[in-house]
Protein backbone atom coordinates (compact mmCIF):
# COMPACT_ATOMS: atom_id res chain seq x y z
CA MET A 1 114.00 93.45 101.48
CA VAL A 2 110.62 92.27 100.41
CA SER A 3 109.22 88.79 100.02
CA PHE A 4 105.76 87.50 99.33
CA HIS A 5 103.96 84.45 98.01
CA ASP A 6 102.23 84.47 94.64
CA PHE A 7 99.06 82.37 95.01
CA GLU A 8 97.70 83.02 91.50
CA GLY A 9 98.59 79.53 90.23
CA TYR A 10 96.98 77.93 93.26
CA TYR A 11 93.84 80.01 92.88
CA GLU A 12 93.66 79.18 89.17
CA LYS A 13 93.74 75.46 90.03
CA LEU A 14 90.77 76.13 92.30
CA GLY A 15 88.99 77.85 89.43
CA ILE A 16 89.48 81.35 90.85
CA LYS A 17 90.54 83.89 88.22
CA LEU A 18 91.92 87.34 88.89
CA ILE A 19 90.17 89.99 86.81
CA GLU A 20 91.79 93.41 86.52
CA ALA A 21 91.02 96.56 84.60
CA ARG A 22 92.72 99.94 84.70
CA ALA A 23 91.53 103.31 83.55
CA THR A 24 93.19 104.41 80.31
CA LYS A 25 95.00 107.23 82.06
CA SER A 26 96.01 104.96 84.95
CA ASP A 27 98.37 102.72 83.03
CA LEU A 28 101.06 102.93 85.74
CA LYS A 29 98.72 101.80 88.54
CA ASN A 30 100.48 98.94 90.38
CA LYS A 31 103.18 98.75 87.70
CA MET A 32 106.03 98.35 90.19
CA PRO A 33 104.48 95.46 92.17
CA ASP A 34 103.31 93.82 88.93
CA ASP A 35 106.82 94.07 87.47
CA LEU A 36 108.27 92.69 90.70
CA LYS A 37 105.88 89.74 90.59
CA ASN A 38 106.77 89.13 86.93
CA GLY A 39 110.50 88.88 87.60
CA LYS A 40 111.46 92.50 86.84
CA PRO A 41 112.39 93.93 90.27
CA GLU A 42 114.76 96.71 89.13
CA GLU A 43 112.38 99.69 89.46
CA PHE A 44 111.04 98.47 92.82
CA ILE A 45 114.60 98.06 94.12
CA GLN A 46 115.69 101.51 92.90
CA ARG A 47 112.58 103.47 93.93
CA VAL A 48 111.51 101.67 97.11
CA LEU A 49 114.06 99.32 98.64
CA ASN A 50 117.26 101.32 98.07
CA PRO A 51 115.88 104.59 99.53
CA MET A 52 114.46 102.69 102.53
CA ASN A 53 117.81 100.96 103.05
CA ASP A 54 119.71 104.25 102.81
CA GLU A 55 117.45 105.81 105.46
CA PHE A 56 117.83 102.74 107.66
CA LEU A 57 121.64 102.86 107.44
CA THR A 58 121.64 106.59 108.23
CA THR A 59 119.52 105.93 111.33
CA VAL A 60 121.67 103.01 112.45
CA ARG A 61 124.85 105.06 112.06
CA SER A 62 123.34 107.95 114.05
CA GLN A 63 122.24 105.71 116.92
CA ARG A 64 125.05 103.12 117.12
CA GLN A 65 128.42 104.79 117.78
CA ALA A 66 130.37 101.63 116.94
CA LEU A 67 128.81 101.60 113.47
CA SER A 68 128.96 105.32 112.71
CA GLN A 69 132.15 105.07 110.65
CA GLN A 70 131.48 101.74 108.93
CA ASP A 71 131.65 101.75 105.13
CA ASP A 72 128.61 100.68 103.15
CA ASP A 73 130.47 97.55 102.03
CA ALA A 74 131.12 96.31 105.59
CA PRO A 75 129.18 93.06 106.19
CA VAL A 76 127.39 94.58 109.21
CA MET A 77 125.99 97.32 106.95
CA ARG A 78 124.97 94.87 104.23
CA GLY A 79 122.55 92.78 106.29
CA GLU A 80 124.88 90.10 107.62
CA VAL A 81 123.23 87.91 110.25
CA TYR A 82 124.96 87.60 113.63
CA PHE A 83 124.40 85.51 116.73
CA THR A 84 124.30 87.22 120.11
CA GLN A 85 127.97 87.60 121.01
CA GLU A 86 128.96 88.53 117.43
CA SER A 87 126.18 91.11 117.45
CA ILE A 88 127.61 92.68 120.59
CA ASP A 89 131.16 92.52 119.20
CA VAL A 90 130.29 94.42 116.00
CA GLY A 91 128.20 97.03 117.84
CA LEU A 92 124.67 95.99 116.91
CA ALA A 93 123.70 95.20 120.50
CA ASP A 94 124.76 96.44 123.92
CA GLY A 95 124.34 93.21 125.85
CA VAL A 96 122.19 90.23 126.72
CA SER A 97 119.09 90.26 128.89
CA THR A 98 116.06 88.12 129.61
CA PHE A 99 112.65 89.12 128.30
CA VAL A 100 111.41 89.74 131.85
CA ASP A 101 114.37 92.00 132.64
CA ALA A 102 113.85 93.92 129.38
CA VAL A 103 110.16 94.46 130.18
CA ALA A 104 111.03 95.60 133.72
CA GLU A 105 113.59 98.07 132.36
CA ALA A 106 111.12 99.38 129.76
CA TYR A 107 108.55 99.82 132.52
CA GLN A 108 111.00 101.79 134.67
CA MET A 109 111.92 103.96 131.68
CA GLY A 110 108.22 104.64 131.14
CA VAL A 111 107.75 105.59 134.79
CA ARG A 112 110.73 108.00 134.64
CA HIS A 113 109.41 109.54 131.43
CA SER A 114 105.95 109.98 132.93
CA GLU A 115 107.42 111.59 136.04
CA ASN A 116 109.51 113.97 133.91
CA GLN A 117 106.48 114.92 131.85
CA GLN A 118 104.47 115.59 135.01
CA LEU A 119 107.31 117.70 136.43
CA LYS A 120 107.48 119.77 133.22
CA HIS A 121 103.73 120.20 133.27
CA ASN A 122 103.84 121.39 136.89
CA LEU A 123 106.72 123.80 136.21
CA TYR A 124 105.04 125.32 133.16
CA ASN A 125 101.80 125.82 135.08
CA LEU A 126 103.18 127.57 138.16
């Protein structure tokens, strides 16, 4: 999804005007965002958001076993919002942890990775 604020009206009230010019052969420059801003989002959705969403769903399915067989029309694949326990139940999360515990686990994972990299380096340089 995309969202943004259009401040043009506010700036105009302040006396600030937007001036734009495009080269003759650059008539498509910023066409998609301009159309989006002017209430015509179709091209932006088809060319930007839908491909990004498809790639996201492919990645989620490849990394979350519980979601690998979900149809595109399942609420979990359509951006439904879940609270913690529901998120675990549908397979979006593995469990609950505190921030401190998560940071400690990430640190330990980093240490193990660094040790593995050093071991590989040492083995390759025997």
